[in-house]
Amino acid sequence: MIETEIYSVLSEIFEDVFMREVALRPDLTAKDVDGWDSFKQIDIIISVEERFGIKAGTRDLDGLQSVGDLVRMIQSKTA
């Protein structure tokens, strides 16, 4: 799956989770988005797993620091 497709799906997921548009960029972190707490993080991960048909393990989740990291994880799991 190419990066632009992943960002498109992630934009939909973030809009559903935050109930507003969030401008995604590779360096975006939870600190940059008002309301992005641990509960929202869980919602994002569950939605990502469902939409992309992947399973994120503990090691995968520990490595997520930004949206760019999330995109790279999705790419590696869908390749």
C-alpha atoms as a PDB file:
ATOM      1  CA  MET A   1       0.000   0.000   0.000  1.00  0.00           C
ATOM      2  CA  ILE A   2       1.416   3.379  -0.936  1.00  0.00           C
ATOM      3  CA  GLU A   3       1.897   6.208   1.530  1.00  0.00           C
ATOM      4  CA  THR A   4      -0.758   8.493   0.045  1.00  0.00           C
ATOM      5  CA  GLU A   5      -3.398   5.764   0.373  1.00  0.00           C
ATOM      6  CA  ILE A   6      -2.409   5.162   3.983  1.00  0.00           C
ATOM      7  CA  TYR A   7      -2.639   8.871   4.827  1.00  0.00           C
ATOM      8  CA  SER A   8      -6.054   9.040   3.171  1.00  0.00           C
ATOM      9  CA  VAL A   9      -7.404   6.205   5.322  1.00  0.00           C
ATOM     10  CA  LEU A  10      -5.692   7.601   8.435  1.00  0.00           C
ATOM     11  CA  SER A  11      -7.330  10.982   7.818  1.00  0.00           C
ATOM     12  CA  GLU A  12     -10.729   9.275   7.897  1.00  0.00           C
ATOM     13  CA  ILE A  13      -9.811   7.399  11.081  1.00  0.00           C
ATOM     14  CA  PHE A  14      -8.565  10.530  12.840  1.00  0.00           C
ATOM     15  CA  GLU A  15     -11.675  12.445  11.782  1.00  0.00           C
ATOM     16  CA  ASP A  16     -13.868   9.673  13.226  1.00  0.00           C
ATOM     17  CA  VAL A  17     -11.887   9.479  16.480  1.00  0.00           C
ATOM     18  CA  PHE A  18     -11.555  13.233  17.092  1.00  0.00           C
ATOM     19  CA  MET A  19     -14.830  14.216  15.394  1.00  0.00           C
ATOM     20  CA  ARG A  20     -13.006  16.957  13.514  1.00  0.00           C
ATOM     21  CA  GLU A  21     -10.460  17.236  10.740  1.00  0.00           C
ATOM     22  CA  VAL A  22      -6.852  16.700  11.781  1.00  0.00           C
ATOM     23  CA  ALA A  23      -4.100  17.718   9.349  1.00  0.00           C
ATOM     24  CA  LEU A  24      -1.816  14.695   9.348  1.00  0.00           C
ATOM     25  CA  ARG A  25       1.895  14.993   8.731  1.00  0.00           C
ATOM     26  CA  PRO A  26       4.768  12.589   9.447  1.00  0.00           C
ATOM     27  CA  ASP A  27       6.055  14.496  12.493  1.00  0.00           C
ATOM     28  CA  LEU A  28       2.611  14.918  14.124  1.00  0.00           C
ATOM     29  CA  THR A  29       2.490  13.578  17.704  1.00  0.00           C
ATOM     30  CA  ALA A  30      -0.131  13.298  20.410  1.00  0.00           C
ATOM     31  CA  LYS A  31       1.230  16.500  21.977  1.00  0.00           C
ATOM     32  CA  ASP A  32       0.246  18.380  18.811  1.00  0.00           C
ATOM     33  CA  VAL A  33      -3.439  17.384  18.870  1.00  0.00           C
ATOM     34  CA  ASP A  34      -5.794  18.672  21.537  1.00  0.00           C
ATOM     35  CA  GLY A  35      -7.584  15.757  23.161  1.00  0.00           C
ATOM     36  CA  TRP A  36      -5.185  13.022  21.995  1.00  0.00           C
ATOM     37  CA  ASP A  37      -4.891  10.967  25.142  1.00  0.00           C
ATOM     38  CA  SER A  38      -4.329   7.273  25.834  1.00  0.00           C
ATOM     39  CA  PHE A  39      -7.992   6.463  25.188  1.00  0.00           C
ATOM     40  CA  LYS A  40      -7.892   8.147  21.781  1.00  0.00           C
ATOM     41  CA  GLN A  41      -4.650   6.279  21.065  1.00  0.00           C
ATOM     42  CA  ILE A  42      -6.432   2.979  21.696  1.00  0.00           C
ATOM     43  CA  ASP A  43      -9.303   4.035  19.406  1.00  0.00           C
ATOM     44  CA  ILE A  44      -6.811   4.938  16.669  1.00  0.00           C
ATOM     45  CA  ILE A  45      -4.930   1.636  16.929  1.00  0.00           C
ATOM     46  CA  ILE A  46      -8.101  -0.475  16.959  1.00  0.00           C
ATOM     47  CA  SER A  47      -9.427   1.402  13.929  1.00  0.00           C
ATOM     48  CA  VAL A  48      -6.094   1.015  12.113  1.00  0.00           C
ATOM     49  CA  GLU A  49      -6.062  -2.727  12.782  1.00  0.00           C
ATOM     50  CA  GLU A  50      -9.630  -3.106  11.516  1.00  0.00           C
ATOM     51  CA  ARG A  51      -9.292  -0.900   8.420  1.00  0.00           C
ATOM     52  CA  PHE A  52      -5.938  -2.274   7.282  1.00  0.00           C
ATOM     53  CA  GLY A  53      -6.522  -5.873   8.390  1.00  0.00           C
ATOM     54  CA  ILE A  54      -3.360  -5.952  10.496  1.00  0.00           C
ATOM     55  CA  LYS A  55      -2.437  -6.757  14.081  1.00  0.00           C
ATOM     56  CA  ALA A  56      -0.087  -4.468  16.005  1.00  0.00           C
ATOM     57  CA  GLY A  57       1.990  -6.152  18.676  1.00  0.00           C
ATOM     58  CA  THR A  58       3.451  -4.603  21.796  1.00  0.00           C
ATOM     59  CA  ARG A  59       6.812  -4.073  20.094  1.00  0.00           C
ATOM     60  CA  ASP A  60       5.081  -2.280  17.213  1.00  0.00           C
ATOM     61  CA  LEU A  61       3.153  -0.012  19.574  1.00  0.00           C
ATOM     62  CA  ASP A  62       6.221   0.812  21.686  1.00  0.00           C
ATOM     63  CA  GLY A  63       7.911   2.184  18.564  1.00  0.00           C
ATOM     64  CA  LEU A  64       5.132   4.624  17.693  1.00  0.00           C
ATOM     65  CA  GLN A  65       6.112   8.213  18.424  1.00  0.00           C
ATOM     66  CA  SER A  66       4.527  10.012  15.474  1.00  0.00           C
ATOM     67  CA  VAL A  67       2.085   9.609  12.611  1.00  0.00           C
ATOM     68  CA  GLY A  68       5.075   8.872  10.375  1.00  0.00           C
ATOM     69  CA  ASP A  69       5.957   5.920  12.605  1.00  0.00           C
ATOM     70  CA  LEU A  70       2.366   4.695  12.337  1.00  0.00           C
ATOM     71  CA  VAL A  71       2.485   4.950   8.540  1.00  0.00           C
ATOM     72  CA  ARG A  72       5.761   2.984   8.407  1.00  0.00           C
ATOM     73  CA  MET A  73       4.300   0.288  10.672  1.00  0.00           C
ATOM     74  CA  ILE A  74       1.221  -0.009   8.426  1.00  0.00           C
ATOM     75  CA  GLN A  75       3.438  -0.202   5.327  1.00  0.00           C
ATOM     76  CA  SER A  76       5.541  -2.979   6.842  1.00  0.00           C
ATOM     77  CA  LYS A  77       2.478  -4.991   7.893  1.00  0.00           C
ATOM     78  CA  THR A  78       0.652  -4.610   4.565  1.00  0.00           C
ATOM     79  CA  ALA A  79       3.670  -5.243   2.310  1.00  0.00           C
END
